[in-house]
Amino acid sequence: MSSPSVFPNLRSLDALRGLLACYVLFGHARWLLWAGQKAWEQVSHPLWANLLAFAGASLRYAHEAVMVFFVLSGYFIHLRLAQGISGGKPVQLNTPEYARRRVHRLLAPYLFALGLTVACDLAGRHFFPTLYLARTGDAFLDGNFLRKDFSWAAVLPAGLVLPGAMGKDFGSNGPLWSLAYEVVYYALYPLWLLARRVSPWLAYGMVPALCLGLALAPGPVWPRAVAAHYPLWLAGAALAEWMTRGGSLAWTRSLAVLLAGGGFVAYQLAAHPLARIWLALLYGVGLVWLFALAPPPWARTAGHRVLEFLGLRGYTIYICHFPLLALMSAAVFQLLGGRPLGGWLAVGGGLLALGVCLASFHICERHFLHARIRLARGNET
C-alpha cells in the first residue's frame, strides 16, 4: 500500500501567516505595555497570576517569527513557477508583469502604513513625548527609540521602500526593516531565476555561498545583513519546488517537526549572529513545511478559519501595528510614569491595535489583493 503523497496545504500556510503576524503584534504589545518579567518578580503575586506572566514569556520571540516570514515569502513568490520546474516544464517569468504585480500589491498598503506612522508619531510626540525622546528610564526601550525619528536618514530610504537601510527607522515603525529586505529579494528574483534555469546547484548552492561571503566581508552593515538573510528566502523557494514534486508523507511530518524544534533550540543556543541566521533557516523551513503538510480537515476547524482570516490581512497587521502600540505606550509613560505590572493593558492594547489594523485592511489593502494561486490539484492561496 503506497503512502499518501506530499502536496502543500496552502490554506494552512495562510493560517501560519496570520499566526506569525499576530504573534509579532502581541509580542510587541507585551514589550511596550507591560513592565516586564524582572519588575514582575520583585512583587508577590498569586499563583495564577505568576503562571500567566510566565506563559507570556512565550511572546519573547518576535524576531524569530520574522525569520519564518522570510521563508514563507520565498515559498509563495516561487510557487507559481515551482510546479512547472518540478514537472520538468520550461518556465518563463514575465518580468514586467511580475514587477507590476509586486508594486500593485505592496506599495499602497506600505504608503498607508507610512501615513499612519506619521499621524501616530506626531500626536505622540506632541502630547506624550517621553517615549519618543527616549527618556523613559528603560535602557533597552530608550536605546531602541533613539533610532526612531524622521531625519533624512530615515525618510530617504523609506521613500525608496527600503526603510531602515541607513540605520534609522521611519518614525516608530521599526518592523518595516524586514519589508526592505523583502523588496531587495523581490528585485533579485528574476536574476536568481536565470541561475535556477542554468542549474539547481548554482541557484541553491553557489548563490547562498556568495551570500555567506558577502555577509562575512567588511563593509556597510545593511547590505551584509540583507545578504545574510537571503538564504532563508531561497530556502522557502527550494521547499516550494520540493513539495510540488510530490512524495511520501510517511516520514516528512516527523522531519518537519525535527527541523522546527531542533532548529529553534539550536538557534537559542548559538552565539554568532550569522550562525543564528542559518539555524533560523532550519526552524523556518520546518515550520512552513509542517503547516504545508497540515491535513485538509484542519482547515474546517474554527481556529483555522480565524487564523486564515488574519493571514489574509497579515501584511497590514504587520506593517501597521507598531506605531499604534507605541502611541499607547507613550501615553502610559506620560500619564502613569511607567508601564503597569499587570498584563491586562498589554492584552487590551494588543486587541485594540489588531482591531485598528483590521479596519485599515478594509480601508486600503483589500483594494490591492490579487487572484489566489491555483495548483494542479485545486489548492488555493
Protein backbone atom coordinates (compact mmCIF):
# COMPACT_ATOMS: atom_id res chain seq x y z
CA MET A 1 0.00 0.00 0.00
CA SER A 2 1.54 3.33 -1.07
CA SER A 3 1.88 6.25 1.30
CA PRO A 4 -0.17 9.40 0.71
CA SER A 5 1.71 11.97 -1.31
CA VAL A 6 3.02 15.36 -0.26
CA PHE A 7 1.13 18.35 -1.60
CA PRO A 8 1.10 21.78 0.01
CA ASN A 9 -1.93 22.82 2.04
CA LEU A 10 -1.86 26.46 1.05
CA ARG A 11 -4.79 27.48 3.22
CA SER A 12 -2.83 26.34 6.26
CA LEU A 13 0.12 28.43 5.14
CA ASP A 14 -2.21 31.44 5.16
CA ALA A 15 -3.13 30.41 8.70
CA LEU A 16 0.57 30.34 9.57
CA ARG A 17 0.93 33.86 8.20
CA GLY A 18 -1.91 35.00 10.45
CA LEU A 19 -0.38 33.28 13.45
CA LEU A 20 3.01 34.91 12.84
CA ALA A 21 1.57 38.40 12.30
CA CYS A 22 -0.48 38.25 15.49
CA TYR A 23 2.40 36.73 17.41
CA VAL A 24 4.64 39.66 16.45
CA LEU A 25 1.89 42.16 17.34
CA PHE A 26 1.23 40.72 20.80
CA GLY A 27 4.95 40.26 21.42
CA HIS A 28 5.42 43.98 20.84
CA ALA A 29 2.35 44.75 22.99
CA ARG A 30 3.93 42.78 25.83
CA TRP A 31 7.15 44.76 25.46
CA LEU A 32 5.59 48.22 25.14
CA LEU A 33 2.65 47.91 27.54
CA TRP A 34 3.90 45.69 30.35
CA ALA A 35 6.58 46.43 32.97
CA GLY A 36 8.40 43.18 32.19
CA GLN A 37 9.38 39.96 33.91
CA LYS A 38 12.08 41.46 36.17
CA ALA A 39 9.75 44.10 37.57
CA TRP A 40 7.02 41.49 37.98
CA GLU A 41 9.24 39.17 40.02
CA GLN A 42 10.06 41.93 42.54
CA VAL A 43 6.46 41.88 43.83
CA SER A 44 4.50 38.96 45.30
CA HIS A 45 1.61 37.72 43.15
CA PRO A 46 -0.97 34.91 43.31
CA LEU A 47 -0.01 31.62 41.68
CA TRP A 48 -2.46 32.03 38.81
CA ALA A 49 -1.02 35.47 38.01
CA ASN A 50 2.53 34.11 38.06
CA LEU A 51 1.52 31.33 35.70
CA LEU A 52 0.04 33.84 33.27
CA ALA A 53 3.15 36.01 33.48
CA PHE A 54 5.43 33.09 32.76
CA ALA A 55 3.15 31.97 29.92
CA GLY A 56 3.51 35.45 28.45
CA ALA A 57 7.24 34.83 28.19
CA SER A 58 6.44 32.71 25.13
CA LEU A 59 5.86 36.00 23.28
CA ARG A 60 9.54 36.99 23.50
CA TYR A 61 10.42 35.57 20.10
CA ALA A 62 9.01 38.17 17.69
CA HIS A 63 12.34 38.42 15.83
CA GLU A 64 12.41 34.64 15.42
CA ALA A 65 8.90 34.81 13.94
CA VAL A 66 10.09 37.34 11.34
CA MET A 67 12.70 34.80 10.19
CA VAL A 68 9.85 32.44 9.33
CA PHE A 69 8.23 35.22 7.29
CA PHE A 70 11.29 35.25 5.01
CA VAL A 71 10.97 31.52 4.34
CA LEU A 72 7.23 31.85 3.78
CA SER A 73 7.75 34.74 1.36
CA GLY A 74 10.25 32.81 -0.75
CA TYR A 75 7.85 29.88 -0.80
CA PHE A 76 4.88 31.86 -2.08
CA ILE A 77 6.78 34.00 -4.60
CA HIS A 78 8.41 30.98 -6.24
CA LEU A 79 5.36 28.74 -6.02
CA ARG A 80 3.87 29.90 -9.32
CA LEU A 81 6.90 28.62 -11.23
CA ALA A 82 7.98 25.85 -8.87
CA GLN A 83 5.27 23.50 -10.06
CA GLY A 84 6.39 23.89 -13.65
CA ILE A 85 10.04 23.37 -12.72
CA SER A 86 9.14 20.31 -10.68
CA GLY A 87 7.21 18.91 -13.64
CA GLY A 88 10.18 19.37 -15.95
CA LYS A 89 8.49 22.09 -17.98
CA PRO A 90 10.30 25.18 -19.30
CA VAL A 91 9.35 28.22 -17.23
CA GLN A 92 9.39 31.83 -18.24
CA LEU A 93 8.89 34.79 -15.93
CA ASN A 94 7.20 37.84 -17.41
CA THR A 95 9.43 40.27 -15.56
CA PRO A 96 7.47 43.50 -16.29
CA GLU A 97 4.23 41.82 -15.21
CA TYR A 98 5.90 40.36 -12.14
CA ALA A 99 7.21 43.80 -11.16
CA ARG A 100 3.83 45.41 -11.79
CA ARG A 101 2.08 42.86 -9.58
CA ARG A 102 4.57 43.32 -6.76
CA VAL A 103 4.27 47.12 -6.87
CA HIS A 104 0.47 46.99 -7.09
CA ARG A 105 0.24 44.53 -4.21
CA LEU A 106 2.70 46.15 -1.80
CA LEU A 107 3.02 49.87 -2.42
CA ALA A 108 -0.38 51.30 -1.46
CA PRO A 109 -0.60 49.48 1.93
CA TYR A 110 3.01 50.49 2.57
CA LEU A 111 2.24 54.17 1.92
CA PHE A 112 -0.81 53.83 4.14
CA ALA A 113 1.43 52.45 6.91
CA LEU A 114 3.84 55.37 6.50
CA GLY A 115 0.94 57.81 6.79
CA LEU A 116 -0.38 56.04 9.87
CA THR A 117 3.10 56.17 11.40
CA VAL A 118 3.38 59.90 10.80
CA ALA A 119 -0.07 60.54 12.29
CA CYS A 120 0.54 58.42 15.40
CA ASP A 121 4.05 59.74 15.97
CA LEU A 122 3.17 63.41 15.53
CA ALA A 123 0.33 63.02 18.02
CA GLY A 124 2.55 61.09 20.41
CA ARG A 125 5.49 63.48 20.17
CA HIS A 126 3.18 66.42 20.87
CA PHE A 127 1.10 65.01 23.73
CA PHE A 128 3.27 62.20 25.16
CA PRO A 129 6.91 62.96 24.25
CA THR A 130 8.76 60.92 26.90
CA LEU A 131 8.91 57.66 24.94
CA TYR A 132 9.69 59.29 21.59
CA LEU A 133 12.52 61.30 23.15
CA ALA A 134 13.94 58.07 24.63
CA ARG A 135 13.65 59.34 28.21
CA THR A 136 11.61 56.58 29.85
CA GLY A 137 14.45 55.30 32.02
CA ASP A 138 14.24 51.83 30.47
CA ALA A 139 17.67 51.35 28.88
CA PHE A 140 16.57 48.82 26.25
CA LEU A 141 13.44 50.73 25.28
CA ASP A 142 15.25 54.07 25.14
CA GLY A 143 18.10 52.57 23.12
CA ASN A 144 15.57 51.29 20.61
CA PHE A 145 13.71 54.59 20.30
CA LEU A 146 16.93 56.56 19.79
CA ARG A 147 16.99 55.24 16.22
CA LYS A 148 13.33 56.14 15.52
CA ASP A 149 12.88 59.59 14.01
CA PHE A 150 12.07 61.50 10.83
CA SER A 151 15.58 62.58 9.88
CA TRP A 152 16.74 62.41 6.27
CA ALA A 153 18.44 59.09 7.09
CA ALA A 154 15.02 57.70 8.00
CA VAL A 155 12.81 59.38 5.40
CA LEU A 156 15.01 58.98 2.30
CA PRO A 157 15.33 55.17 2.36
CA ALA A 158 11.68 54.82 3.40
CA GLY A 159 10.75 56.81 0.30
CA LEU A 160 12.68 54.25 -1.75
CA VAL A 161 10.80 51.40 0.00
CA LEU A 162 13.99 50.48 1.84
CA PRO A 163 13.12 51.60 5.40
CA GLY A 164 15.97 51.25 7.86
CA ALA A 165 18.65 50.98 5.19
CA MET A 166 20.60 53.92 6.61
CA GLY A 167 20.38 52.86 10.25
CA LYS A 168 17.29 54.87 11.20
CA ASP A 169 13.71 53.62 11.46
CA PHE A 170 10.95 55.59 9.80
CA GLY A 171 9.48 57.10 12.94
CA SER A 172 8.43 54.47 15.43
CA ASN A 173 7.73 51.84 12.76
CA GLY A 174 10.77 49.64 13.30
CA PRO A 175 9.22 46.40 11.96
CA LEU A 176 9.39 47.85 8.44
CA TRP A 177 13.06 46.76 8.36
CA SER A 178 12.09 43.30 7.15
CA LEU A 179 9.97 44.72 4.32
CA ALA A 180 13.07 46.48 3.00
CA TYR A 181 14.85 43.12 2.86
CA GLU A 182 11.86 41.60 1.07
CA VAL A 183 11.91 44.36 -1.56
CA VAL A 184 15.52 43.50 -2.36
CA TYR A 185 14.68 39.80 -2.61
CA TYR A 186 11.72 40.52 -4.90
CA ALA A 187 14.01 42.59 -7.13
CA LEU A 188 16.60 39.79 -7.22
CA TYR A 189 14.10 37.06 -8.06
CA PRO A 190 14.22 37.42 -11.90
CA LEU A 191 18.04 37.28 -11.80
CA TRP A 192 18.04 34.35 -9.40
CA LEU A 193 15.56 32.54 -11.65
CA LEU A 194 18.07 32.79 -14.51
CA ALA A 195 20.58 30.99 -12.28
CA ARG A 196 17.92 28.40 -11.44
CA ARG A 197 17.36 27.70 -15.14
CA VAL A 198 21.08 27.05 -15.54
CA SER A 199 21.40 24.70 -12.58
CA PRO A 200 19.76 24.00 -9.22
CA TRP A 201 23.27 23.73 -7.76
CA LEU A 202 24.05 27.24 -8.91
CA ALA A 203 20.76 28.64 -7.54
CA TYR A 204 20.67 26.76 -4.24
CA GLY A 205 24.37 26.21 -3.66
CA MET A 206 26.53 28.91 -5.16
CA VAL A 207 24.14 31.81 -4.50
CA PRO A 208 23.85 31.06 -0.74
CA ALA A 209 27.63 30.59 -0.62
CA LEU A 210 28.07 34.00 -2.23
CA CYS A 211 25.66 35.46 0.34
CA LEU A 212 27.74 33.95 3.12
CA GLY A 213 30.89 35.52 1.67
CA LEU A 214 29.20 38.93 1.39
CA ALA A 215 27.92 38.68 4.95
CA LEU A 216 31.41 37.98 6.26
CA ALA A 217 33.14 40.64 4.15
CA PRO A 218 33.93 44.07 5.58
CA GLY A 219 31.68 46.89 4.53
CA PRO A 220 28.39 48.64 5.35
CA VAL A 221 26.18 46.75 7.79
CA TRP A 222 22.86 46.88 5.94
CA PRO A 223 23.90 45.20 2.63
CA ARG A 224 25.71 42.49 4.59
CA ALA A 225 22.60 41.86 6.70
CA VAL A 226 20.42 41.64 3.59
CA ALA A 227 22.83 39.11 2.07
CA ALA A 228 22.98 37.11 5.30
CA HIS A 229 19.18 36.65 5.38
CA TYR A 230 18.72 35.87 1.67
CA PRO A 231 19.33 32.12 2.12
CA LEU A 232 16.19 31.95 4.28
CA TRP A 233 14.15 33.31 1.39
CA LEU A 234 15.80 30.88 -1.01
CA ALA A 235 15.10 28.01 1.38
CA GLY A 236 11.40 28.82 1.01
CA ALA A 237 11.75 28.68 -2.77
CA ALA A 238 13.51 25.32 -2.54
CA LEU A 239 10.77 23.96 -0.30
CA ALA A 240 8.13 25.07 -2.83
CA GLU A 241 9.89 23.07 -5.55
CA TRP A 242 10.31 20.01 -3.38
CA MET A 243 6.71 19.93 -2.21
CA THR A 244 5.21 20.37 -5.66
CA ARG A 245 7.12 17.30 -6.83
CA GLY A 246 5.02 15.09 -4.56
CA GLY A 247 6.42 12.33 -2.38
CA SER A 248 5.66 10.23 0.65
CA LEU A 249 4.08 11.56 3.82
CA ALA A 250 5.35 8.59 5.79
CA TRP A 251 8.39 10.45 7.16
CA THR A 252 8.10 14.09 6.13
CA ARG A 253 5.98 15.31 9.04
CA SER A 254 8.46 13.85 11.51
CA LEU A 255 11.34 15.54 9.71
CA ALA A 256 9.47 18.86 9.67
CA VAL A 257 8.90 18.63 13.43
CA LEU A 258 12.56 17.79 13.97
CA LEU A 259 13.71 20.75 11.87
CA ALA A 260 11.31 23.17 13.54
CA GLY A 261 12.03 22.09 17.10
CA GLY A 262 15.71 21.26 16.81
CA GLY A 263 16.49 24.32 14.72
CA PHE A 264 14.75 26.63 17.19
CA VAL A 265 16.60 25.18 20.19
CA ALA A 266 19.92 25.39 18.36
CA TYR A 267 19.13 28.99 17.39
CA GLN A 268 18.66 29.93 21.05
CA LEU A 269 21.96 28.29 21.99
CA ALA A 270 24.05 29.79 19.18
CA ALA A 271 26.15 32.87 19.90
CA HIS A 272 27.37 34.07 16.49
CA PRO A 273 24.75 36.20 14.66
CA LEU A 274 25.41 34.57 11.29
CA ALA A 275 25.13 31.09 12.79
CA ARG A 276 21.78 32.10 14.27
CA ILE A 277 20.52 33.18 10.86
CA TRP A 278 21.41 29.83 9.30
CA LEU A 279 19.79 28.00 12.21
CA ALA A 280 16.71 30.16 11.68
CA LEU A 281 16.66 28.69 8.18
CA LEU A 282 16.20 25.24 9.72
CA TYR A 283 13.32 26.07 12.03
CA GLY A 284 11.75 28.37 9.44
CA VAL A 285 11.71 25.63 6.82
CA GLY A 286 10.49 23.14 9.41
CA LEU A 287 7.57 25.31 10.48
CA VAL A 288 6.49 26.24 6.94
CA TRP A 289 6.86 22.60 5.92
CA LEU A 290 4.79 21.42 8.89
CA PHE A 291 1.91 23.78 8.13
CA ALA A 292 2.07 22.92 4.43
CA LEU A 293 1.59 19.27 5.44
CA ALA A 294 -1.43 20.03 7.63
CA PRO A 295 -4.29 17.60 6.95
CA PRO A 296 -7.15 19.23 4.97
CA PRO A 297 -9.78 18.58 7.71
CA TRP A 298 -7.94 21.06 9.93
CA ALA A 299 -9.00 23.84 7.54
CA ARG A 300 -12.59 23.23 8.60
CA THR A 301 -11.94 23.99 12.29
CA ALA A 302 -12.91 27.32 13.82
CA GLY A 303 -9.35 28.07 14.94
CA HIS A 304 -8.00 27.55 11.43
CA ARG A 305 -10.67 29.79 9.91
CA VAL A 306 -9.76 32.58 12.32
CA LEU A 307 -6.04 32.28 11.59
CA GLU A 308 -6.67 32.10 7.85
CA PHE A 309 -8.83 35.24 8.10
CA LEU A 310 -6.00 37.01 9.91
CA GLY A 311 -3.40 35.64 7.49
CA LEU A 312 -5.12 37.24 4.52
CA ARG A 313 -4.79 40.50 6.43
CA GLY A 314 -1.32 39.75 7.76
CA TYR A 315 0.55 42.31 5.66
CA THR A 316 -1.46 45.23 7.07
CA ILE A 317 -1.27 43.80 10.60
CA TYR A 318 2.49 43.55 10.39
CA ILE A 319 3.28 46.95 8.88
CA CYS A 320 0.71 48.99 10.83
CA HIS A 321 0.66 47.67 14.39
CA PHE A 322 3.81 49.16 15.93
CA PRO A 323 3.09 52.91 15.73
CA LEU A 324 -0.32 52.22 17.29
CA LEU A 325 1.24 50.34 20.20
CA ALA A 326 3.98 52.95 20.54
CA LEU A 327 1.35 55.70 20.88
CA MET A 328 -0.42 53.72 23.61
CA SER A 329 2.87 53.09 25.40
CA ALA A 330 3.83 56.75 25.17
CA ALA A 331 0.52 57.74 26.78
CA VAL A 332 1.07 55.22 29.57
CA PHE A 333 4.57 56.52 30.33
CA GLN A 334 3.38 60.13 30.28
CA LEU A 335 0.24 59.62 32.37
CA LEU A 336 1.24 56.80 34.72
CA GLY A 337 5.00 57.24 34.87
CA GLY A 338 5.69 53.74 33.57
CA ARG A 339 4.19 50.52 32.26
CA PRO A 340 1.89 48.63 34.64
CA LEU A 341 2.81 45.37 36.37
CA GLY A 342 -0.46 43.77 35.32
CA GLY A 343 -0.69 42.38 31.82
CA TRP A 344 -4.25 43.39 31.06
CA LEU A 345 -3.19 46.61 29.37
CA ALA A 346 -0.90 44.64 27.04
CA VAL A 347 -3.75 42.28 26.17
CA GLY A 348 -6.28 45.08 25.69
CA GLY A 349 -3.81 47.27 23.81
CA GLY A 350 -2.87 44.40 21.53
CA LEU A 351 -6.53 43.69 20.76
CA LEU A 352 -7.18 47.38 20.10
CA ALA A 353 -4.19 47.60 17.75
CA LEU A 354 -5.36 44.45 15.98
CA GLY A 355 -8.82 45.93 15.53
CA VAL A 356 -7.39 49.13 14.02
CA CYS A 357 -5.21 47.05 11.69
CA LEU A 358 -8.22 45.03 10.52
CA ALA A 359 -10.11 48.26 9.84
CA SER A 360 -7.05 49.58 7.99
CA PHE A 361 -7.05 46.48 5.80
CA HIS A 362 -10.59 47.27 4.66
CA ILE A 363 -9.69 50.90 4.05
CA CYS A 364 -6.64 50.14 1.91
CA GLU A 365 -5.14 46.70 1.34
CA ARG A 366 -8.29 44.85 0.27
CA HIS A 367 -8.41 47.00 -2.87
CA PHE A 368 -4.99 45.68 -3.95
CA LEU A 369 -5.39 41.93 -3.47
CA HIS A 370 -4.68 39.57 -6.36
CA ALA A 371 -6.31 36.39 -7.57
CA ARG A 372 -5.19 33.46 -5.45
CA ILE A 373 -2.73 30.88 -6.74
CA ARG A 374 -4.22 27.66 -8.07
CA LEU A 375 -2.17 24.49 -8.22
CA ALA A 376 -2.89 21.47 -10.32
CA ARG A 377 -4.78 19.64 -7.60
CA GLY A 378 -7.05 22.58 -6.88
CA ASN A 379 -5.48 24.01 -3.74
CA GLU A 380 -5.58 27.78 -3.39
CA THR A 381 -3.79 30.56 -1.67
